Amino acid sequence: MELYVSQFLIFLMIFVRVMALVVVAPMIGHMAVPIQVKVAIGLFVAFVMYPLASHEAAVVHTELIPLVLAVFKEAAVGLLIGFAAGLLFAGVRFAGELIAIDAGLSLAALFDPESHAHASVISESLYLLMLMVFVMVDGHHVLLEALQLSYVSVPMGSVALNGELAEHLLKMVGMVFVVAVKLAAPVMVAMFLINVALSILARVMPQMNLFAVLFPLKVGVGLLVLTTALPLLVFVFKKLLAGFEESLFELVKVL
């Protein structure tokens, strides 16, 4: 009887870590995915991970307080992995906001149920596009690989928050701004050149009404540059994703 209870508690710990990852992971953690689907995915992945993770499992205590602490530790590991994986898409959304503000499209906003805030149409469109690229290059397999690696480097109940983990996590958070600038660079450069050209034009023709020209010109050029640069943005995102995978695996190793 004690053997069955111990095996059930090990499966429960695996399920908690998997569900914590599923809730905050890109794509499957989206608010549009029903909670029943998330639970089903969590149960399936936990069932698949059980033979692999049970060999690395530590002794699971049946007392209430140690059991609750173990649950919180497992949830912390899953949340950290999912949060780190979502940082790349935070950079994508930030890039969309930079493009929208620079091109004069920030007023075209909609309500994002995931972040419970208003987001620009460009930001959400770019996010959904990169999400499709993420699935096409098997990015979800990277999450499963990181989850499997976590059971090797962080057996159940052995997670320890340290300075190396905080330093690595801060470095990954800083990459959000790098990702945003790299993806928004084509539009930002085009808008800068337009501002320079119109500034020179204002000196040459001071009687010209620049405000009547500036807004439609920036919107048109911004959309044109964004549409033309989409293949380049996809290529850059793939390169960033490859580097982000390595950072994610390094984060799991220092947990």
C-alpha atoms as a PDB file:
ATOM      1  CA  MET A   1       0.000   0.000   0.000  1.00  0.00           C
ATOM      2  CA  GLU A   2       2.807   2.409   0.887  1.00  0.00           C
ATOM      3  CA  LEU A   3       4.425   1.659  -2.470  1.00  0.00           C
ATOM      4  CA  TYR A   4       1.274   2.722  -4.353  1.00  0.00           C
ATOM      5  CA  VAL A   5       0.980   5.905  -2.271  1.00  0.00           C
ATOM      6  CA  SER A   6       4.626   6.735  -2.959  1.00  0.00           C
ATOM      7  CA  GLN A   7       4.193   6.194  -6.709  1.00  0.00           C
ATOM      8  CA  PHE A   8       1.057   8.327  -6.740  1.00  0.00           C
ATOM      9  CA  LEU A   9       2.847  11.167  -4.924  1.00  0.00           C
ATOM     10  CA  ILE A  10       5.715  11.006  -7.424  1.00  0.00           C
ATOM     11  CA  PHE A  11       3.214  11.245 -10.286  1.00  0.00           C
ATOM     12  CA  LEU A  12       1.524  14.156  -8.484  1.00  0.00           C
ATOM     13  CA  MET A  13       4.852  16.000  -8.205  1.00  0.00           C
ATOM     14  CA  ILE A  14       5.524  15.447 -11.906  1.00  0.00           C
ATOM     15  CA  PHE A  15       2.031  16.697 -12.763  1.00  0.00           C
ATOM     16  CA  VAL A  16       2.503  19.855 -10.672  1.00  0.00           C
ATOM     17  CA  ARG A  17       5.768  20.734 -12.445  1.00  0.00           C
ATOM     18  CA  VAL A  18       4.281  20.035 -15.867  1.00  0.00           C
ATOM     19  CA  MET A  19       1.096  22.014 -15.194  1.00  0.00           C
ATOM     20  CA  ALA A  20       3.076  24.987 -13.876  1.00  0.00           C
ATOM     21  CA  LEU A  21       5.002  24.976 -17.155  1.00  0.00           C
ATOM     22  CA  VAL A  22       1.855  24.558 -19.264  1.00  0.00           C
ATOM     23  CA  VAL A  23       0.080  27.487 -17.596  1.00  0.00           C
ATOM     24  CA  VAL A  24       2.779  30.047 -18.489  1.00  0.00           C
ATOM     25  CA  ALA A  25       4.401  28.463 -21.570  1.00  0.00           C
ATOM     26  CA  PRO A  26       4.084  30.107 -25.001  1.00  0.00           C
ATOM     27  CA  MET A  27       1.186  28.934 -27.159  1.00  0.00           C
ATOM     28  CA  ILE A  28      -0.360  26.328 -24.843  1.00  0.00           C
ATOM     29  CA  GLY A  29      -0.460  28.801 -21.952  1.00  0.00           C
ATOM     30  CA  HIS A  30      -2.527  31.307 -23.939  1.00  0.00           C
ATOM     31  CA  MET A  31      -5.872  32.356 -22.506  1.00  0.00           C
ATOM     32  CA  ALA A  32      -7.571  31.128 -25.697  1.00  0.00           C
ATOM     33  CA  VAL A  33      -6.662  27.529 -24.780  1.00  0.00           C
ATOM     34  CA  PRO A  34      -9.410  26.087 -22.514  1.00  0.00           C
ATOM     35  CA  ILE A  35      -8.365  25.001 -19.035  1.00  0.00           C
ATOM     36  CA  GLN A  36      -9.657  21.495 -19.758  1.00  0.00           C
ATOM     37  CA  VAL A  37      -7.221  21.221 -22.670  1.00  0.00           C
ATOM     38  CA  LYS A  38      -4.361  22.452 -20.497  1.00  0.00           C
ATOM     39  CA  VAL A  39      -5.139  19.879 -17.807  1.00  0.00           C
ATOM     40  CA  ALA A  40      -5.369  17.129 -20.429  1.00  0.00           C
ATOM     41  CA  ILE A  41      -1.997  18.151 -21.882  1.00  0.00           C
ATOM     42  CA  GLY A  42      -0.515  18.255 -18.382  1.00  0.00           C
ATOM     43  CA  LEU A  43      -1.789  14.770 -17.536  1.00  0.00           C
ATOM     44  CA  PHE A  44      -0.549  13.344 -20.826  1.00  0.00           C
ATOM     45  CA  VAL A  45       2.930  14.884 -20.533  1.00  0.00           C
ATOM     46  CA  ALA A  46       3.169  13.828 -16.866  1.00  0.00           C
ATOM     47  CA  PHE A  47       2.237  10.265 -17.865  1.00  0.00           C
ATOM     48  CA  VAL A  48       4.925  10.279 -20.567  1.00  0.00           C
ATOM     49  CA  MET A  49       7.522  11.834 -18.246  1.00  0.00           C
ATOM     50  CA  TYR A  50       6.790   9.452 -15.370  1.00  0.00           C
ATOM     51  CA  PRO A  51       9.131   6.602 -16.439  1.00  0.00           C
ATOM     52  CA  LEU A  52      11.939   9.107 -17.063  1.00  0.00           C
ATOM     53  CA  ALA A  53      11.432  11.299 -14.004  1.00  0.00           C
ATOM     54  CA  SER A  54      10.640   8.588 -11.453  1.00  0.00           C
ATOM     55  CA  HIS A  55      14.221   7.275 -11.656  1.00  0.00           C
ATOM     56  CA  GLU A  56      15.523  10.730 -10.683  1.00  0.00           C
ATOM     57  CA  ALA A  57      12.880  11.237  -8.004  1.00  0.00           C
ATOM     58  CA  ALA A  58      13.938  11.763  -4.415  1.00  0.00           C
ATOM     59  CA  VAL A  59      12.053  10.330  -1.476  1.00  0.00           C
ATOM     60  CA  VAL A  60       8.617  11.948  -1.280  1.00  0.00           C
ATOM     61  CA  HIS A  61       7.455  12.515   2.278  1.00  0.00           C
ATOM     62  CA  THR A  62       3.837  11.779   3.107  1.00  0.00           C
ATOM     63  CA  GLU A  63       3.648  14.325   5.930  1.00  0.00           C
ATOM     64  CA  LEU A  64       1.518  17.374   5.150  1.00  0.00           C
ATOM     65  CA  ILE A  65       4.035  20.210   5.582  1.00  0.00           C
ATOM     66  CA  PRO A  66       6.941  18.573   3.668  1.00  0.00           C
ATOM     67  CA  LEU A  67       4.471  17.551   0.957  1.00  0.00           C
ATOM     68  CA  VAL A  68       3.130  21.106   0.565  1.00  0.00           C
ATOM     69  CA  LEU A  69       6.677  22.479   0.413  1.00  0.00           C
ATOM     70  CA  ALA A  70       7.557  19.909  -2.247  1.00  0.00           C
ATOM     71  CA  VAL A  71       4.521  20.968  -4.296  1.00  0.00           C
ATOM     72  CA  PHE A  72       5.592  24.617  -4.145  1.00  0.00           C
ATOM     73  CA  LYS A  73       9.135  23.691  -5.192  1.00  0.00           C
ATOM     74  CA  GLU A  74       7.903  21.687  -8.177  1.00  0.00           C
ATOM     75  CA  ALA A  75       5.570  24.506  -9.202  1.00  0.00           C
ATOM     76  CA  ALA A  76       8.465  26.993  -8.935  1.00  0.00           C
ATOM     77  CA  VAL A  77      10.603  24.929 -11.324  1.00  0.00           C
ATOM     78  CA  GLY A  78       7.822  24.703 -13.915  1.00  0.00           C
ATOM     79  CA  LEU A  79       6.977  28.394 -13.620  1.00  0.00           C
ATOM     80  CA  LEU A  80      10.622  29.409 -14.038  1.00  0.00           C
ATOM     81  CA  ILE A  81      11.032  27.327 -17.208  1.00  0.00           C
ATOM     82  CA  GLY A  82       7.765  28.585 -18.696  1.00  0.00           C
ATOM     83  CA  PHE A  83       8.505  32.190 -17.746  1.00  0.00           C
ATOM     84  CA  ALA A  84      11.979  32.014 -19.313  1.00  0.00           C
ATOM     85  CA  ALA A  85      10.544  30.512 -22.504  1.00  0.00           C
ATOM     86  CA  GLY A  86       7.957  33.303 -22.718  1.00  0.00           C
ATOM     87  CA  LEU A  87      10.568  36.061 -22.512  1.00  0.00           C
ATOM     88  CA  LEU A  88      11.323  35.705 -26.221  1.00  0.00           C
ATOM     89  CA  PHE A  89       7.698  36.450 -27.098  1.00  0.00           C
ATOM     90  CA  ALA A  90       7.686  39.358 -24.663  1.00  0.00           C
ATOM     91  CA  GLY A  91      10.447  40.772 -26.854  1.00  0.00           C
ATOM     92  CA  VAL A  92       8.323  40.145 -29.955  1.00  0.00           C
ATOM     93  CA  ARG A  93       5.396  42.060 -28.465  1.00  0.00           C
ATOM     94  CA  PHE A  94       7.698  44.862 -27.356  1.00  0.00           C
ATOM     95  CA  ALA A  95       9.009  45.062 -30.936  1.00  0.00           C
ATOM     96  CA  GLY A  96       5.429  45.374 -32.202  1.00  0.00           C
ATOM     97  CA  GLU A  97       4.778  48.221 -29.775  1.00  0.00           C
ATOM     98  CA  LEU A  98       7.936  50.022 -30.915  1.00  0.00           C
ATOM     99  CA  ILE A  99       6.883  49.652 -34.547  1.00  0.00           C
ATOM    100  CA  ALA A 100       3.346  50.845 -33.810  1.00  0.00           C
ATOM    101  CA  ILE A 101       4.519  53.911 -31.883  1.00  0.00           C
ATOM    102  CA  ASP A 102       7.155  54.852 -34.465  1.00  0.00           C
ATOM    103  CA  ALA A 103       4.839  54.352 -37.451  1.00  0.00           C
ATOM    104  CA  GLY A 104       1.878  56.152 -35.880  1.00  0.00           C
ATOM    105  CA  LEU A 105      -0.241  53.030 -35.492  1.00  0.00           C
ATOM    106  CA  SER A 106      -0.413  52.910 -31.711  1.00  0.00           C
ATOM    107  CA  LEU A 107      -4.030  54.167 -31.716  1.00  0.00           C
ATOM    108  CA  ALA A 108      -5.102  51.026 -33.590  1.00  0.00           C
ATOM    109  CA  ALA A 109      -5.343  48.950 -30.410  1.00  0.00           C
ATOM    110  CA  LEU A 110      -7.372  45.995 -29.207  1.00  0.00           C
ATOM    111  CA  PHE A 111      -7.932  44.287 -25.875  1.00  0.00           C
ATOM    112  CA  ASP A 112      -5.546  41.416 -25.196  1.00  0.00           C
ATOM    113  CA  PRO A 113      -7.243  38.854 -22.917  1.00  0.00           C
ATOM    114  CA  GLU A 114      -3.900  37.265 -22.050  1.00  0.00           C
ATOM    115  CA  SER A 115      -2.255  40.355 -20.566  1.00  0.00           C
ATOM    116  CA  HIS A 116      -5.591  42.041 -19.653  1.00  0.00           C
ATOM    117  CA  ALA A 117      -4.424  45.250 -21.326  1.00  0.00           C
ATOM    118  CA  HIS A 118      -4.764  47.067 -24.617  1.00  0.00           C
ATOM    119  CA  ALA A 119      -2.185  46.113 -27.238  1.00  0.00           C
ATOM    120  CA  SER A 120      -1.554  47.442 -30.720  1.00  0.00           C
ATOM    121  CA  VAL A 121      -2.710  45.498 -33.761  1.00  0.00           C
ATOM    122  CA  ILE A 122       0.883  45.365 -35.045  1.00  0.00           C
ATOM    123  CA  SER A 123       2.087  43.866 -31.760  1.00  0.00           C
ATOM    124  CA  GLU A 124      -0.558  41.141 -31.710  1.00  0.00           C
ATOM    125  CA  SER A 125      -0.106  40.356 -35.422  1.00  0.00           C
ATOM    126  CA  LEU A 126       3.660  40.048 -35.034  1.00  0.00           C
ATOM    127  CA  TYR A 127       3.195  37.903 -31.924  1.00  0.00           C
ATOM    128  CA  LEU A 128       0.855  35.483 -33.709  1.00  0.00           C
ATOM    129  CA  LEU A 129       3.169  35.295 -36.722  1.00  0.00           C
ATOM    130  CA  MET A 130       6.203  34.444 -34.595  1.00  0.00           C
ATOM    131  CA  LEU A 131       4.099  31.963 -32.641  1.00  0.00           C
ATOM    132  CA  MET A 132       3.421  30.106 -35.897  1.00  0.00           C
ATOM    133  CA  VAL A 133       7.140  30.177 -36.688  1.00  0.00           C
ATOM    134  CA  PHE A 134       7.811  28.828 -33.183  1.00  0.00           C
ATOM    135  CA  VAL A 135       5.555  25.840 -33.868  1.00  0.00           C
ATOM    136  CA  MET A 136       6.950  25.295 -37.384  1.00  0.00           C
ATOM    137  CA  VAL A 137      10.534  25.009 -36.092  1.00  0.00           C
ATOM    138  CA  ASP A 138       9.418  22.619 -33.312  1.00  0.00           C
ATOM    139  CA  GLY A 139       9.872  25.127 -30.524  1.00  0.00           C
ATOM    140  CA  HIS A 140       7.408  23.169 -28.384  1.00  0.00           C
ATOM    141  CA  HIS A 141       9.838  20.249 -28.518  1.00  0.00           C
ATOM    142  CA  VAL A 142      12.410  22.524 -26.909  1.00  0.00           C
ATOM    143  CA  LEU A 143      10.055  23.036 -23.960  1.00  0.00           C
ATOM    144  CA  LEU A 144       9.676  19.278 -23.555  1.00  0.00           C
ATOM    145  CA  GLU A 145      13.444  18.842 -23.762  1.00  0.00           C
ATOM    146  CA  ALA A 146      13.967  21.531 -21.132  1.00  0.00           C
ATOM    147  CA  LEU A 147      11.369  19.828 -18.918  1.00  0.00           C
ATOM    148  CA  GLN A 148      13.116  16.474 -19.285  1.00  0.00           C
ATOM    149  CA  LEU A 149      16.496  18.091 -18.572  1.00  0.00           C
ATOM    150  CA  SER A 150      15.073  19.673 -15.430  1.00  0.00           C
ATOM    151  CA  TYR A 151      14.507  16.229 -13.897  1.00  0.00           C
ATOM    152  CA  VAL A 152      18.185  15.419 -14.445  1.00  0.00           C
ATOM    153  CA  SER A 153      19.593  18.674 -13.073  1.00  0.00           C
ATOM    154  CA  VAL A 154      16.808  19.359 -10.540  1.00  0.00           C
ATOM    155  CA  PRO A 155      15.396  16.149  -9.028  1.00  0.00           C
ATOM    156  CA  MET A 156      12.155  16.437  -7.103  1.00  0.00           C
ATOM    157  CA  GLY A 157      12.384  18.602  -4.033  1.00  0.00           C
ATOM    158  CA  SER A 158      15.984  19.676  -4.656  1.00  0.00           C
ATOM    159  CA  VAL A 159      15.471  23.099  -6.246  1.00  0.00           C
ATOM    160  CA  ALA A 160      17.570  25.848  -4.692  1.00  0.00           C
ATOM    161  CA  LEU A 161      17.394  29.529  -5.645  1.00  0.00           C
ATOM    162  CA  ASN A 162      20.916  30.945  -5.837  1.00  0.00           C
ATOM    163  CA  GLY A 163      22.795  33.951  -7.148  1.00  0.00           C
ATOM    164  CA  GLU A 164      23.839  32.192 -10.345  1.00  0.00           C
ATOM    165  CA  LEU A 165      20.190  31.505 -11.187  1.00  0.00           C
ATOM    166  CA  ALA A 166      19.212  35.129 -10.550  1.00  0.00           C
ATOM    167  CA  GLU A 167      22.116  36.399 -12.663  1.00  0.00           C
ATOM    168  CA  HIS A 168      21.222  34.105 -15.569  1.00  0.00           C
ATOM    169  CA  LEU A 169      17.527  35.027 -15.347  1.00  0.00           C
ATOM    170  CA  LEU A 170      18.334  38.752 -15.360  1.00  0.00           C
ATOM    171  CA  LYS A 171      20.512  38.216 -18.424  1.00  0.00           C
ATOM    172  CA  MET A 172      17.591  36.540 -20.205  1.00  0.00           C
ATOM    173  CA  VAL A 173      15.256  39.380 -19.204  1.00  0.00           C
ATOM    174  CA  GLY A 174      17.745  41.832 -20.691  1.00  0.00           C
ATOM    175  CA  MET A 175      17.571  39.911 -23.960  1.00  0.00           C
ATOM    176  CA  VAL A 176      13.929  41.044 -24.286  1.00  0.00           C
ATOM    177  CA  PHE A 177      15.116  44.526 -25.268  1.00  0.00           C
ATOM    178  CA  VAL A 178      17.705  43.086 -27.672  1.00  0.00           C
ATOM    179  CA  VAL A 179      15.027  40.985 -29.388  1.00  0.00           C
ATOM    180  CA  ALA A 180      12.668  43.968 -29.609  1.00  0.00           C
ATOM    181  CA  VAL A 181      15.244  46.290 -31.161  1.00  0.00           C
ATOM    182  CA  LYS A 182      16.451  43.676 -33.659  1.00  0.00           C
ATOM    183  CA  LEU A 183      12.929  42.924 -34.885  1.00  0.00           C
ATOM    184  CA  ALA A 184      11.826  46.561 -34.981  1.00  0.00           C
ATOM    185  CA  ALA A 185      15.068  47.845 -36.553  1.00  0.00           C
ATOM    186  CA  PRO A 186      13.889  48.025 -40.224  1.00  0.00           C
ATOM    187  CA  VAL A 187      10.856  50.166 -39.417  1.00  0.00           C
ATOM    188  CA  MET A 188      12.721  52.276 -36.868  1.00  0.00           C
ATOM    189  CA  VAL A 189      15.475  53.065 -39.387  1.00  0.00           C
ATOM    190  CA  ALA A 190      12.909  53.922 -42.073  1.00  0.00           C
ATOM    191  CA  MET A 191      11.036  56.234 -39.687  1.00  0.00           C
ATOM    192  CA  PHE A 192      14.305  57.911 -38.669  1.00  0.00           C
ATOM    193  CA  LEU A 193      15.171  58.595 -42.308  1.00  0.00           C
ATOM    194  CA  ILE A 194      11.678  60.028 -42.893  1.00  0.00           C
ATOM    195  CA  ASN A 195      12.047  62.343 -39.897  1.00  0.00           C
ATOM    196  CA  VAL A 196      15.442  63.518 -41.167  1.00  0.00           C
ATOM    197  CA  ALA A 197      14.089  64.086 -44.691  1.00  0.00           C
ATOM    198  CA  LEU A 198      11.066  66.015 -43.439  1.00  0.00           C
ATOM    199  CA  SER A 199      13.247  68.103 -41.116  1.00  0.00           C
ATOM    200  CA  ILE A 200      15.359  69.146 -44.097  1.00  0.00           C
ATOM    201  CA  LEU A 201      12.190  69.786 -46.112  1.00  0.00           C
ATOM    202  CA  ALA A 202      10.846  71.994 -43.331  1.00  0.00           C
ATOM    203  CA  ARG A 203      13.956  74.150 -43.580  1.00  0.00           C
ATOM    204  CA  VAL A 204      13.736  74.370 -47.356  1.00  0.00           C
ATOM    205  CA  MET A 205       9.944  74.927 -47.530  1.00  0.00           C
ATOM    206  CA  PRO A 206       8.805  76.461 -44.211  1.00  0.00           C
ATOM    207  CA  GLN A 207       5.372  77.288 -45.634  1.00  0.00           C
ATOM    208  CA  MET A 208       4.604  73.613 -46.175  1.00  0.00           C
ATOM    209  CA  ASN A 209       2.163  71.961 -43.729  1.00  0.00           C
ATOM    210  CA  LEU A 210       4.277  69.025 -42.553  1.00  0.00           C
ATOM    211  CA  PHE A 211       1.654  67.675 -40.155  1.00  0.00           C
ATOM    212  CA  ALA A 212      -0.659  66.974 -43.075  1.00  0.00           C
ATOM    213  CA  VAL A 213       2.087  64.971 -44.763  1.00  0.00           C
ATOM    214  CA  LEU A 214       3.890  63.361 -41.825  1.00  0.00           C
ATOM    215  CA  PHE A 215       1.164  61.127 -40.439  1.00  0.00           C
ATOM    216  CA  PRO A 216      -0.072  59.410 -43.637  1.00  0.00           C
ATOM    217  CA  LEU A 217       3.517  59.156 -44.927  1.00  0.00           C
ATOM    218  CA  LYS A 218       4.776  57.412 -41.775  1.00  0.00           C
ATOM    219  CA  VAL A 219       1.801  55.049 -41.719  1.00  0.00           C
ATOM    220  CA  GLY A 220       2.191  54.120 -45.381  1.00  0.00           C
ATOM    221  CA  VAL A 221       5.967  53.727 -45.302  1.00  0.00           C
ATOM    222  CA  GLY A 222       5.814  51.847 -41.995  1.00  0.00           C
ATOM    223  CA  LEU A 223       3.346  49.283 -43.337  1.00  0.00           C
ATOM    224  CA  LEU A 224       5.300  48.982 -46.593  1.00  0.00           C
ATOM    225  CA  VAL A 225       8.624  48.421 -44.824  1.00  0.00           C
ATOM    226  CA  LEU A 226       7.062  45.983 -42.354  1.00  0.00           C
ATOM    227  CA  THR A 227       5.462  43.945 -45.147  1.00  0.00           C
ATOM    228  CA  THR A 228       8.687  43.917 -47.179  1.00  0.00           C
ATOM    229  CA  ALA A 229      10.832  42.991 -44.172  1.00  0.00           C
ATOM    230  CA  LEU A 230       8.639  40.107 -42.916  1.00  0.00           C
ATOM    231  CA  PRO A 231      10.879  37.376 -44.426  1.00  0.00           C
ATOM    232  CA  LEU A 232      13.877  39.060 -42.796  1.00  0.00           C
ATOM    233  CA  LEU A 233      12.056  39.253 -39.451  1.00  0.00           C
ATOM    234  CA  VAL A 234      11.224  35.535 -39.615  1.00  0.00           C
ATOM    235  CA  PHE A 235      14.874  34.744 -40.379  1.00  0.00           C
ATOM    236  CA  VAL A 236      16.079  36.907 -37.475  1.00  0.00           C
ATOM    237  CA  PHE A 237      13.529  35.320 -35.138  1.00  0.00           C
ATOM    238  CA  LYS A 238      14.784  31.826 -36.035  1.00  0.00           C
ATOM    239  CA  LYS A 239      18.343  32.891 -35.204  1.00  0.00           C
ATOM    240  CA  LEU A 240      17.196  34.439 -31.925  1.00  0.00           C
ATOM    241  CA  LEU A 241      15.230  31.314 -31.085  1.00  0.00           C
ATOM    242  CA  ALA A 242      18.323  29.133 -31.530  1.00  0.00           C
ATOM    243  CA  GLY A 243      20.294  31.308 -29.114  1.00  0.00           C
ATOM    244  CA  PHE A 244      17.374  31.444 -26.705  1.00  0.00           C
ATOM    245  CA  GLU A 245      17.195  27.639 -26.594  1.00  0.00           C
ATOM    246  CA  GLU A 246      20.774  27.478 -25.353  1.00  0.00           C
ATOM    247  CA  SER A 247      20.055  30.119 -22.707  1.00  0.00           C
ATOM    248  CA  LEU A 248      16.990  28.169 -21.567  1.00  0.00           C
ATOM    249  CA  PHE A 249      18.967  24.942 -21.197  1.00  0.00           C
ATOM    250  CA  GLU A 250      21.697  26.792 -19.275  1.00  0.00           C
ATOM    251  CA  LEU A 251      19.030  28.230 -16.952  1.00  0.00           C
ATOM    252  CA  VAL A 252      17.666  24.753 -16.251  1.00  0.00           C
ATOM    253  CA  LYS A 253      21.168  23.480 -15.465  1.00  0.00           C
ATOM    254  CA  VAL A 254      21.778  26.163 -12.830  1.00  0.00           C
ATOM    255  CA  LEU A 255      18.472  25.599 -11.033  1.00  0.00           C
END
